[in-house]
C-alpha atoms as a PDB file:
ATOM      1  CA  MET A   1      -0.008  -0.218   0.019  1.00  0.00           C
ATOM      2  CA  LEU A   2       2.644   2.304   1.158  1.00  0.00           C
ATOM      3  CA  THR A   3       4.738   1.558  -2.394  1.00  0.00           C
ATOM      4  CA  ARG A   4       1.452   2.622  -4.393  1.00  0.00           C
ATOM      5  CA  SER A   5       1.042   5.751  -2.401  1.00  0.00           C
ATOM      6  CA  VAL A   6       4.699   6.790  -3.240  1.00  0.00           C
ATOM      7  CA  SER A   7       4.239   5.560  -6.941  1.00  0.00           C
ATOM      8  CA  ALA A   8       1.059   8.008  -7.019  1.00  0.00           C
ATOM      9  CA  VAL A   9       2.275  10.765  -5.502  1.00  0.00           C
ATOM     10  CA  ARG A  10       5.470  10.498  -7.842  1.00  0.00           C
ATOM     11  CA  ARG A  11       3.273  10.283 -11.173  1.00  0.00           C
ATOM     12  CA  ALA A  12       1.509  13.391  -9.856  1.00  0.00           C
ATOM     13  CA  PHE A  13       4.577  15.249  -9.406  1.00  0.00           C
ATOM     14  CA  ILE A  14       5.949  14.301 -12.631  1.00  0.00           C
ATOM     15  CA  TRP A  15       2.595  15.071 -14.029  1.00  0.00           C
ATOM     16  CA  VAL A  16       2.851  18.726 -12.301  1.00  0.00           C
ATOM     17  CA  LEU A  17       6.503  19.315 -13.716  1.00  0.00           C
ATOM     18  CA  ASP A  18       5.306  18.135 -17.335  1.00  0.00           C
ATOM     19  CA  TRP A  19       2.355  20.656 -17.246  1.00  0.00           C
ATOM     20  CA  ILE A  20       4.701  23.503 -16.113  1.00  0.00           C
ATOM     21  CA  THR A  21       7.269  22.677 -18.529  1.00  0.00           C
ATOM     22  CA  ARG A  22       4.545  22.797 -21.510  1.00  0.00           C
ATOM     23  CA  HIS A  23       3.470  26.165 -20.170  1.00  0.00           C
ATOM     24  CA  THR A  24       6.916  27.597 -19.931  1.00  0.00           C
ATOM     25  CA  ARG A  25       6.283  30.487 -22.493  1.00  0.00           C
ATOM     26  CA  GLY A  26       2.970  31.641 -20.289  1.00  0.00           C
ATOM     27  CA  PHE A  27       4.716  31.534 -17.236  1.00  0.00           C
ATOM     28  CA  ILE A  28       7.637  33.587 -18.705  1.00  0.00           C
ATOM     29  CA  LEU A  29       5.014  36.140 -20.125  1.00  0.00           C
ATOM     30  CA  ALA A  30       3.235  36.226 -16.634  1.00  0.00           C
ATOM     31  CA  ASN A  31       6.444  36.967 -15.126  1.00  0.00           C
ATOM     32  CA  ILE A  32       6.720  40.370 -17.133  1.00  0.00           C
ATOM     33  CA  VAL A  33       3.107  41.181 -15.935  1.00  0.00           C
ATOM     34  CA  THR A  34       3.800  40.330 -12.544  1.00  0.00           C
ATOM     35  CA  GLN A  35       7.231  42.149 -12.002  1.00  0.00           C
ATOM     36  CA  ALA A  36       5.699  45.329 -13.665  1.00  0.00           C
ATOM     37  CA  GLY A  37       2.608  44.569 -11.471  1.00  0.00           C
ATOM     38  CA  ILE A  38       4.419  44.952  -8.317  1.00  0.00           C
ATOM     39  CA  ILE A  39       5.877  48.364  -9.298  1.00  0.00           C
ATOM     40  CA  VAL A  40       2.592  49.692  -9.653  1.00  0.00           C
ATOM     41  CA  THR A  41       0.845  48.116  -6.172  1.00  0.00           C
ATOM     42  CA  GLY A  42       4.226  49.394  -4.666  1.00  0.00           C
ATOM     43  CA  GLY A  43       3.411  52.869  -5.551  1.00  0.00           C
ATOM     44  CA  ILE A  44      -0.171  52.143  -4.244  1.00  0.00           C
ATOM     45  CA  VAL A  45       1.260  51.531  -1.044  1.00  0.00           C
ATOM     46  CA  ARG A  46       3.378  54.507  -1.209  1.00  0.00           C
ATOM     47  CA  LEU A  47       0.788  56.861  -2.646  1.00  0.00           C
ATOM     48  CA  THR A  48      -1.997  55.851   0.047  1.00  0.00           C
ATOM     49  CA  GLY A  49       0.726  56.428   2.925  1.00  0.00           C
ATOM     50  CA  SER A  50       0.429  52.771   3.706  1.00  0.00           C
ATOM     51  CA  GLY A  51       4.195  52.030   3.827  1.00  0.00           C
ATOM     52  CA  LEU A  52       3.825  51.101   7.583  1.00  0.00           C
ATOM     53  CA  GLY A  53       0.538  49.482   7.655  1.00  0.00           C
ATOM     54  CA  CYS A  54       2.288  46.801   8.893  1.00  0.00           C
ATOM     55  CA  SER A  55       5.198  48.032  11.457  1.00  0.00           C
ATOM     56  CA  THR A  56       7.658  45.171  11.301  1.00  0.00           C
ATOM     57  CA  TRP A  57       8.900  42.284   9.041  1.00  0.00           C
ATOM     58  CA  PRO A  58       8.872  39.781   8.341  1.00  0.00           C
ATOM     59  CA  GLN A  59       5.715  39.364  10.504  1.00  0.00           C
ATOM     60  CA  CYS A  60       2.951  42.348   9.705  1.00  0.00           C
ATOM     61  CA  GLU A  61       2.655  43.146  13.637  1.00  0.00           C
ATOM     62  CA  PRO A  62       4.753  41.697  16.511  1.00  0.00           C
ATOM     63  CA  GLY A  63       3.459  38.401  17.380  1.00  0.00           C
ATOM     64  CA  SER A  64       1.256  37.975  14.310  1.00  0.00           C
ATOM     65  CA  PHE A  65       1.967  37.615  10.472  1.00  0.00           C
ATOM     66  CA  THR A  66      -1.460  39.159   9.864  1.00  0.00           C
ATOM     67  CA  PRO A  67      -2.402  42.830  10.092  1.00  0.00           C
ATOM     68  CA  GLU A  68      -4.641  43.923  12.913  1.00  0.00           C
ATOM     69  CA  PHE A  69      -7.684  45.796  11.738  1.00  0.00           C
ATOM     70  CA  HIS A  70      -9.520  48.592  13.475  1.00  0.00           C
ATOM     71  CA  PRO A  71     -12.665  50.634  12.424  1.00  0.00           C
ATOM     72  CA  GLU A  72     -10.835  53.940  12.440  1.00  0.00           C
ATOM     73  CA  GLN A  73      -7.873  52.165  10.587  1.00  0.00           C
ATOM     74  CA  TRP A  74      -8.478  49.423   8.197  1.00  0.00           C
ATOM     75  CA  LEU A  75      -7.231  50.768   4.717  1.00  0.00           C
ATOM     76  CA  HIS A  76      -3.398  50.981   5.556  1.00  0.00           C
ATOM     77  CA  PRO A  77      -2.939  47.791   6.866  1.00  0.00           C
ATOM     78  CA  ALA A  78      -5.166  46.163   4.145  1.00  0.00           C
ATOM     79  CA  VAL A  79      -3.014  47.757   1.199  1.00  0.00           C
ATOM     80  CA  GLU A  80       0.386  46.984   2.768  1.00  0.00           C
ATOM     81  CA  PHE A  81      -0.577  43.414   3.579  1.00  0.00           C
ATOM     82  CA  GLY A  82      -2.034  42.898   0.125  1.00  0.00           C
ATOM     83  CA  ASN A  83       1.212  44.102  -1.464  1.00  0.00           C
ATOM     84  CA  ARG A  84       3.346  41.275   0.918  1.00  0.00           C
ATOM     85  CA  MET A  85       0.998  38.733  -0.491  1.00  0.00           C
ATOM     86  CA  LEU A  86       1.471  39.444  -3.998  1.00  0.00           C
ATOM     87  CA  THR A  87       5.198  38.389  -3.279  1.00  0.00           C
ATOM     88  CA  PHE A  88       3.897  35.044  -2.883  1.00  0.00           C
ATOM     89  CA  VAL A  89       2.167  35.254  -6.657  1.00  0.00           C
ATOM     90  CA  LEU A  90       5.428  36.644  -7.915  1.00  0.00           C
ATOM     91  CA  ALA A  91       7.314  33.466  -6.452  1.00  0.00           C
ATOM     92  CA  ALA A  92       5.089  31.063  -7.897  1.00  0.00           C
ATOM     93  CA  VAL A  93       5.285  32.386 -11.334  1.00  0.00           C
ATOM     94  CA  ALA A  94       9.220  32.522 -10.908  1.00  0.00           C
ATOM     95  CA  LEU A  95       9.172  29.197  -9.780  1.00  0.00           C
ATOM     96  CA  GLY A  96       7.321  28.021 -12.794  1.00  0.00           C
ATOM     97  CA  VAL A  97       9.832  30.024 -15.116  1.00  0.00           C
ATOM     98  CA  ALA A  98      12.964  28.416 -13.548  1.00  0.00           C
ATOM     99  CA  ILE A  99      11.102  24.793 -13.529  1.00  0.00           C
ATOM    100  CA  GLY A 100      10.203  25.300 -17.240  1.00  0.00           C
ATOM    101  CA  LEU A 101      13.289  26.558 -18.633  1.00  0.00           C
ATOM    102  CA  TRP A 102      15.594  24.208 -16.348  1.00  0.00           C
ATOM    103  CA  ARG A 103      13.433  21.184 -18.473  1.00  0.00           C
ATOM    104  CA  SER A 104      13.060  22.736 -21.615  1.00  0.00           C
ATOM    105  CA  ARG A 105      15.813  24.888 -22.341  1.00  0.00           C
ATOM    106  CA  PRO A 106      19.132  23.708 -21.035  1.00  0.00           C
ATOM    107  CA  ASP A 107      20.628  26.840 -22.480  1.00  0.00           C
ATOM    108  CA  LEU A 108      18.589  29.074 -20.324  1.00  0.00           C
ATOM    109  CA  LYS A 109      18.347  27.235 -17.210  1.00  0.00           C
ATOM    110  CA  TRP A 110      20.565  29.361 -15.122  1.00  0.00           C
ATOM    111  CA  TRP A 111      19.065  32.538 -16.682  1.00  0.00           C
ATOM    112  CA  GLY A 112      15.496  30.975 -15.435  1.00  0.00           C
ATOM    113  CA  LEU A 113      16.571  31.481 -11.734  1.00  0.00           C
ATOM    114  CA  VAL A 114      17.155  35.275 -11.842  1.00  0.00           C
ATOM    115  CA  PRO A 115      13.288  36.120 -11.440  1.00  0.00           C
ATOM    116  CA  GLY A 116      13.179  33.890  -8.106  1.00  0.00           C
ATOM    117  CA  ILE A 117      16.384  34.980  -6.934  1.00  0.00           C
ATOM    118  CA  GLY A 118      14.858  38.734  -7.562  1.00  0.00           C
ATOM    119  CA  VAL A 119      11.850  38.144  -5.912  1.00  0.00           C
ATOM    120  CA  ILE A 120      13.933  37.005  -2.640  1.00  0.00           C
ATOM    121  CA  VAL A 121      16.112  39.984  -2.932  1.00  0.00           C
ATOM    122  CA  GLN A 122      13.156  42.167  -3.187  1.00  0.00           C
ATOM    123  CA  ALA A 123      11.030  40.905  -0.246  1.00  0.00           C
ATOM    124  CA  VAL A 124      14.497  41.268   2.063  1.00  0.00           C
ATOM    125  CA  VAL A 125      15.091  45.095   0.541  1.00  0.00           C
ATOM    126  CA  GLY A 126      11.153  45.571   1.356  1.00  0.00           C
ATOM    127  CA  GLY A 127      11.496  44.340   4.852  1.00  0.00           C
ATOM    128  CA  ILE A 128      14.571  46.197   5.604  1.00  0.00           C
ATOM    129  CA  THR A 129      12.641  49.595   4.042  1.00  0.00           C
ATOM    130  CA  VAL A 130       9.916  48.602   6.892  1.00  0.00           C
ATOM    131  CA  LEU A 131      12.455  48.261   9.242  1.00  0.00           C
ATOM    132  CA  VAL A 132      14.113  51.495   8.772  1.00  0.00           C
ATOM    133  CA  GLU A 133      10.929  53.523   8.473  1.00  0.00           C
ATOM    134  CA  LEU A 134      10.965  54.004   4.586  1.00  0.00           C
ATOM    135  CA  HIS A 135      14.057  55.764   4.545  1.00  0.00           C
ATOM    136  CA  PRO A 136      14.422  56.803   1.095  1.00  0.00           C
ATOM    137  CA  LEU A 137      17.792  55.223   0.498  1.00  0.00           C
ATOM    138  CA  VAL A 138      16.239  51.902   0.580  1.00  0.00           C
ATOM    139  CA  VAL A 139      13.066  52.795  -1.207  1.00  0.00           C
ATOM    140  CA  ALA A 140      14.926  53.944  -4.065  1.00  0.00           C
ATOM    141  CA  PRO A 141      16.917  50.532  -4.740  1.00  0.00           C
ATOM    142  CA  HIS A 142      13.715  48.599  -4.285  1.00  0.00           C
ATOM    143  CA  LEU A 143      12.313  50.896  -7.065  1.00  0.00           C
ATOM    144  CA  LEU A 144      15.450  50.189  -9.282  1.00  0.00           C
ATOM    145  CA  LEU A 145      15.460  46.664  -8.638  1.00  0.00           C
ATOM    146  CA  SER A 146      11.701  46.056  -9.749  1.00  0.00           C
ATOM    147  CA  ALA A 147      12.559  47.958 -13.337  1.00  0.00           C
ATOM    148  CA  ALA A 148      15.818  45.930 -13.609  1.00  0.00           C
ATOM    149  CA  LEU A 149      13.782  42.628 -13.156  1.00  0.00           C
ATOM    150  CA  VAL A 150      10.699  43.979 -15.764  1.00  0.00           C
ATOM    151  CA  TRP A 151      14.133  44.702 -18.164  1.00  0.00           C
ATOM    152  CA  PHE A 152      15.554  41.215 -17.633  1.00  0.00           C
ATOM    153  CA  SER A 153      11.826  39.555 -17.947  1.00  0.00           C
ATOM    154  CA  VAL A 154      11.276  40.977 -21.311  1.00  0.00           C
ATOM    155  CA  TRP A 155      14.895  40.462 -22.604  1.00  0.00           C
ATOM    156  CA  LEU A 156      14.411  36.447 -21.008  1.00  0.00           C
ATOM    157  CA  ALA A 157      10.656  36.406 -23.038  1.00  0.00           C
ATOM    158  CA  LEU A 158      12.444  37.078 -26.490  1.00  0.00           C
ATOM    159  CA  THR A 159      15.568  34.948 -25.820  1.00  0.00           C
ATOM    160  CA  HIS A 160      13.011  31.947 -24.994  1.00  0.00           C
ATOM    161  CA  ARG A 161      11.154  32.413 -28.083  1.00  0.00           C
ATOM    162  CA  ARG A 162      14.589  33.291 -30.234  1.00  0.00           C
ATOM    163  CA  ALA A 163      12.997  36.121 -31.535  1.00  0.00           C
ATOM    164  CA  PRO A 164      14.622  37.081 -34.858  1.00  0.00           C
ATOM    165  CA  ARG A 165      17.304  40.179 -34.413  1.00  0.00           C
ATOM    166  CA  ARG A 166      17.891  42.719 -36.834  1.00  0.00           C
ATOM    167  CA  ASP A 167      20.298  41.878 -39.770  1.00  0.00           C
ATOM    168  CA  GLY A 168      22.703  44.916 -40.873  1.00  0.00           C
ATOM    169  CA  LYS A 169      25.669  46.595 -39.508  1.00  0.00           C
ATOM    170  CA  SER A 170      26.627  46.705 -35.831  1.00  0.00           C
ATOM    171  CA  ILE A 171      25.829  49.422 -33.889  1.00  0.00           C
ATOM    172  CA  VAL A 172      26.483  47.904 -30.495  1.00  0.00           C
ATOM    173  CA  TRP A 173      28.320  50.832 -28.732  1.00  0.00           C
ATOM    174  CA  HIS A 174      25.710  53.077 -29.809  1.00  0.00           C
ATOM    175  CA  GLN A 175      23.213  50.611 -27.928  1.00  0.00           C
ATOM    176  CA  ARG A 176      25.593  50.496 -24.978  1.00  0.00           C
ATOM    177  CA  GLY A 177      25.781  53.958 -24.867  1.00  0.00           C
ATOM    178  CA  LEU A 178      21.806  54.211 -24.686  1.00  0.00           C
ATOM    179  CA  SER A 179      21.583  51.810 -22.371  1.00  0.00           C
ATOM    180  CA  LEU A 180      23.825  53.570 -19.920  1.00  0.00           C
ATOM    181  CA  ILE A 181      21.766  56.570 -20.066  1.00  0.00           C
ATOM    182  CA  VAL A 182      18.566  54.626 -19.276  1.00  0.00           C
ATOM    183  CA  ALA A 183      20.491  53.680 -16.396  1.00  0.00           C
ATOM    184  CA  ILE A 184      21.289  56.838 -15.064  1.00  0.00           C
ATOM    185  CA  LEU A 185      17.968  58.075 -16.160  1.00  0.00           C
ATOM    186  CA  LEU A 186      16.375  55.656 -13.762  1.00  0.00           C
ATOM    187  CA  PHE A 187      18.468  56.537 -11.052  1.00  0.00           C
ATOM    188  CA  LEU A 188      17.838  60.202 -11.182  1.00  0.00           C
ATOM    189  CA  GLY A 189      14.131  59.242 -11.214  1.00  0.00           C
ATOM    190  CA  ALA A 190      14.778  57.341  -8.078  1.00  0.00           C
ATOM    191  CA  LEU A 191      16.623  59.881  -6.463  1.00  0.00           C
ATOM    192  CA  THR A 192      13.487  62.672  -7.201  1.00  0.00           C
ATOM    193  CA  THR A 193      11.374  60.150  -5.666  1.00  0.00           C
ATOM    194  CA  GLY A 194      13.150  60.225  -2.602  1.00  0.00           C
ATOM    195  CA  ALA A 195      13.667  63.874  -2.628  1.00  0.00           C
ATOM    196  CA  GLY A 196       9.748  64.224  -2.971  1.00  0.00           C
ATOM    197  CA  PRO A 197       6.458  64.515  -0.941  1.00  0.00           C
ATOM    198  CA  HIS A 198       5.431  61.038  -0.973  1.00  0.00           C
ATOM    199  CA  SER A 199       6.987  59.318   1.498  1.00  0.00           C
ATOM    200  CA  GLY A 200       4.640  56.512   1.952  1.00  0.00           C
ATOM    201  CA  ASP A 201       3.749  57.407   5.440  1.00  0.00           C
ATOM    202  CA  ILE A 202       2.285  60.538   7.108  1.00  0.00           C
ATOM    203  CA  ASP A 203       5.042  60.297   9.931  1.00  0.00           C
ATOM    204  CA  ALA A 204       7.961  59.104   7.286  1.00  0.00           C
ATOM    205  CA  THR A 205       8.845  62.800   7.066  1.00  0.00           C
ATOM    206  CA  GLU A 206      13.055  61.902   6.242  1.00  0.00           C
ATOM    207  CA  ARG A 207      13.374  62.731   2.691  1.00  0.00           C
ATOM    208  CA  LEU A 208      16.544  62.947   0.763  1.00  0.00           C
ATOM    209  CA  ALA A 209      18.675  65.765   1.670  1.00  0.00           C
ATOM    210  CA  LEU A 210      18.494  67.124  -2.172  1.00  0.00           C
ATOM    211  CA  ASP A 211      16.323  70.255  -3.571  1.00  0.00           C
ATOM    212  CA  PRO A 212      13.661  68.541  -5.160  1.00  0.00           C
ATOM    213  CA  ALA A 213      13.377  71.285  -8.057  1.00  0.00           C
ATOM    214  CA  ALA A 214      16.701  70.574  -8.779  1.00  0.00           C
ATOM    215  CA  ILE A 215      17.119  67.130  -8.882  1.00  0.00           C
ATOM    216  CA  ALA A 216      13.671  66.920 -11.227  1.00  0.00           C
ATOM    217  CA  ARG A 217      15.524  68.997 -13.688  1.00  0.00           C
ATOM    218  CA  ALA A 218      18.424  67.015 -13.503  1.00  0.00           C
ATOM    219  CA  HIS A 219      16.142  63.877 -14.372  1.00  0.00           C
ATOM    220  CA  ALA A 220      14.610  65.886 -17.049  1.00  0.00           C
ATOM    221  CA  ALA A 221      17.475  66.836 -18.676  1.00  0.00           C
ATOM    222  CA  ALA A 222      18.795  63.054 -18.678  1.00  0.00           C
ATOM    223  CA  VAL A 223      15.464  62.249 -20.680  1.00  0.00           C
ATOM    224  CA  TRP A 224      16.473  64.646 -22.988  1.00  0.00           C
ATOM    225  CA  ILE A 225      19.585  63.442 -23.443  1.00  0.00           C
ATOM    226  CA  PHE A 226      18.025  60.085 -23.869  1.00  0.00           C
ATOM    227  CA  LEU A 227      15.788  61.462 -26.543  1.00  0.00           C
ATOM    228  CA  ALA A 228      19.007  63.025 -28.763  1.00  0.00           C
ATOM    229  CA  VAL A 229      20.791  59.911 -28.443  1.00  0.00           C
ATOM    230  CA  PHE A 230      17.548  57.679 -28.967  1.00  0.00           C
ATOM    231  CA  ALA A 231      16.942  59.742 -32.069  1.00  0.00           C
ATOM    232  CA  ALA A 232      20.431  59.374 -33.508  1.00  0.00           C
ATOM    233  CA  LEU A 233      20.114  55.578 -33.170  1.00  0.00           C
ATOM    234  CA  VAL A 234      16.749  55.418 -35.087  1.00  0.00           C
ATOM    235  CA  TRP A 235      18.177  57.436 -37.624  1.00  0.00           C
ATOM    236  CA  ARG A 236      21.231  54.946 -38.269  1.00  0.00           C
ATOM    237  CA  ILE A 237      18.909  52.004 -38.328  1.00  0.00           C
ATOM    238  CA  ARG A 238      16.594  54.005 -41.098  1.00  0.00           C
ATOM    239  CA  ARG A 239      19.782  54.585 -43.158  1.00  0.00           C
ATOM    240  CA  ASP A 240      21.266  51.161 -42.945  1.00  0.00           C
ATOM    241  CA  HIS A 241      20.638  49.756 -46.279  1.00  0.00           C
ATOM    242  CA  SER A 242      23.078  46.965 -45.581  1.00  0.00           C
ATOM    243  CA  VAL A 243      20.023  44.828 -45.717  1.00  0.00           C
ATOM    244  CA  GLY A 244      18.151  46.508 -48.493  1.00  0.00           C
ATOM    245  CA  GLY A 245      17.137  49.318 -46.462  1.00  0.00           C
ATOM    246  CA  ARG A 246      14.614  47.087 -44.592  1.00  0.00           C
ATOM    247  CA  ASP A 247      13.741  48.594 -40.684  1.00  0.00           C
ATOM    248  CA  GLU A 248      13.193  45.382 -39.139  1.00  0.00           C
ATOM    249  CA  VAL A 249      12.787  46.945 -35.616  1.00  0.00           C
ATOM    250  CA  ARG A 250      10.769  49.899 -36.403  1.00  0.00           C
ATOM    251  CA  LYS A 251       7.623  48.299 -34.174  1.00  0.00           C
ATOM    252  CA  ALA A 252      10.190  48.410 -31.354  1.00  0.00           C
ATOM    253  CA  TRP A 253      11.804  51.869 -31.823  1.00  0.00           C
ATOM    254  CA  ILE A 254       8.223  53.281 -32.211  1.00  0.00           C
ATOM    255  CA  VAL A 255       6.846  51.566 -28.858  1.00  0.00           C
ATOM    256  CA  LEU A 256       9.850  52.970 -26.988  1.00  0.00           C
ATOM    257  CA  ALA A 257       9.440  56.482 -28.651  1.00  0.00           C
ATOM    258  CA  ALA A 258       5.754  56.456 -27.647  1.00  0.00           C
ATOM    259  CA  VAL A 259       6.486  55.320 -24.087  1.00  0.00           C
ATOM    260  CA  THR A 260       8.942  58.086 -23.622  1.00  0.00           C
ATOM    261  CA  LEU A 261       6.964  60.810 -24.529  1.00  0.00           C
ATOM    262  CA  PHE A 262       3.928  59.423 -22.677  1.00  0.00           C
ATOM    263  CA  GLN A 263       6.444  59.370 -19.261  1.00  0.00           C
ATOM    264  CA  GLY A 264       7.916  63.001 -20.260  1.00  0.00           C
ATOM    265  CA  ALA A 265       4.344  64.506 -20.698  1.00  0.00           C
ATOM    266  CA  VAL A 266       3.144  63.197 -17.233  1.00  0.00           C
ATOM    267  CA  GLY A 267       6.754  63.861 -15.822  1.00  0.00           C
ATOM    268  CA  TYR A 268       6.185  67.554 -16.763  1.00  0.00           C
ATOM    269  CA  VAL A 269       2.197  67.868 -15.725  1.00  0.00           C
ATOM    270  CA  GLN A 270       2.863  66.500 -12.591  1.00  0.00           C
ATOM    271  CA  TYR A 271       6.054  68.426 -11.723  1.00  0.00           C
ATOM    272  CA  PHE A 272       4.002  71.512 -12.656  1.00  0.00           C
ATOM    273  CA  THR A 273       0.710  70.646 -11.047  1.00  0.00           C
ATOM    274  CA  GLY A 274       2.011  69.650  -7.346  1.00  0.00           C
ATOM    275  CA  LEU A 275       2.796  65.734  -7.935  1.00  0.00           C
ATOM    276  CA  PRO A 276      -0.967  64.600  -7.447  1.00  0.00           C
ATOM    277  CA  GLU A 277      -1.162  61.189  -6.653  1.00  0.00           C
ATOM    278  CA  VAL A 278      -3.062  59.907  -9.746  1.00  0.00           C
ATOM    279  CA  LEU A 279       0.023  61.408 -11.998  1.00  0.00           C
ATOM    280  CA  VAL A 280       2.405  59.797  -9.851  1.00  0.00           C
ATOM    281  CA  ALA A 281       0.700  56.599 -10.001  1.00  0.00           C
ATOM    282  CA  LEU A 282       0.630  56.819 -13.863  1.00  0.00           C
ATOM    283  CA  HIS A 283       4.236  58.027 -13.659  1.00  0.00           C
ATOM    284  CA  LEU A 284       5.149  54.524 -12.087  1.00  0.00           C
ATOM    285  CA  ILE A 285       3.406  52.454 -14.279  1.00  0.00           C
ATOM    286  CA  GLY A 286       5.394  54.298 -17.126  1.00  0.00           C
ATOM    287  CA  ILE A 287       8.575  52.895 -15.578  1.00  0.00           C
ATOM    288  CA  GLY A 288       7.651  49.617 -16.335  1.00  0.00           C
ATOM    289  CA  LEU A 289       6.873  50.203 -19.629  1.00  0.00           C
ATOM    290  CA  PHE A 290       9.736  52.085 -20.261  1.00  0.00           C
ATOM    291  CA  ALA A 291      12.002  49.123 -18.955  1.00  0.00           C
ATOM    292  CA  ALA A 292       9.987  46.990 -21.063  1.00  0.00           C
ATOM    293  CA  ALA A 293      10.156  48.782 -24.056  1.00  0.00           C
ATOM    294  CA  HIS A 294      13.900  49.450 -23.835  1.00  0.00           C
ATOM    295  CA  ALA A 295      14.437  46.046 -23.203  1.00  0.00           C
ATOM    296  CA  ALA A 296      12.642  45.137 -26.310  1.00  0.00           C
ATOM    297  CA  LEU A 297      14.476  47.079 -28.579  1.00  0.00           C
ATOM    298  CA  HIS A 298      17.930  46.351 -27.263  1.00  0.00           C
ATOM    299  CA  TYR A 299      17.527  42.928 -27.861  1.00  0.00           C
ATOM    300  CA  LEU A 300      15.749  43.382 -31.473  1.00  0.00           C
ATOM    301  CA  LEU A 301      19.024  45.667 -32.148  1.00  0.00           C
ATOM    302  CA  LYS A 302      21.537  42.844 -31.832  1.00  0.00           C
ATOM    303  CA  THR A 303      22.967  41.450 -34.755  1.00  0.00           C
ATOM    304  CA  SER A 304      25.451  38.798 -36.100  1.00  0.00           C
ATOM    305  CA  ALA A 305      28.035  41.389 -36.717  1.00  0.00           C
ATOM    306  CA  ASP A 306      28.341  42.592 -33.113  1.00  0.00           C
ATOM    307  CA  PRO A 307      31.068  41.327 -31.133  1.00  0.00           C
ATOM    308  CA  ALA A 308      30.482  38.681 -28.251  1.00  0.00           C
ATOM    309  CA  LEU A 309      26.705  38.481 -29.121  1.00  0.00           C
ATOM    310  CA  ALA A 310      24.521  37.874 -26.152  1.00  0.00           C
ATOM    311  CA  ARG A 311      22.086  35.416 -26.310  1.00  0.00           C
END
């Protein structure tokens, strides 16, 4: 009887593994959505002032992993606890990605572990954020790590399906320069957030010792530099006649241009209207879209002529 029970459990376990493997692509796409979604839910936590809705970590309240609800104060604990629970969704999706790639794509099996490692690191950073009472020097890396995971998730999805890359001349150094500007742009954006008024909790008043207006202008300047370098990149692509003049990544750069203009417009409007919560939330959504759009363009621009071509 025991042998038959063990055999049944083993068959069920193998069936689950096979099911995950058959749906690897679905898990990879879900990983993009959930990694971007956690930026939005994290923003909701901050903009509703719910950052300390759970006062400690890994427990929510001392001696309890669940929040304590009171009639006069239920929103903040509910929002913060709900955001924490989403971590388990991310972990489940990341586990599916890791299992699916490990069994179906040996060339990507180690890359498949990155989302799961990212979820663990994010959980720890999020916990530290609570323990230091939302200090902006910890909140900023929390946001940047999410953007990096969105970027990687899109790269992984395109690599998994072996999306065709651009033919033509190598522009790898131009790409690298644009990527560096993207990193600087996001870093300055995180500093702008840390110097701004939305701390995540009404009592967490400590902000970065930076002039909010000055750092916002520096962030805007980085956006304009990005647009200039990006426009030059598009010009080079459009003038590359080595493959008959075909612009094979036209959709990708159009999407990135649209997302960048959307982000820029929202950024300027929120700056001149006193940073209303709705516009700040839209700007946070745009971070995920921007990271995803740049990752797609970066992948598709790689050619066989590039030195040390990445997967």
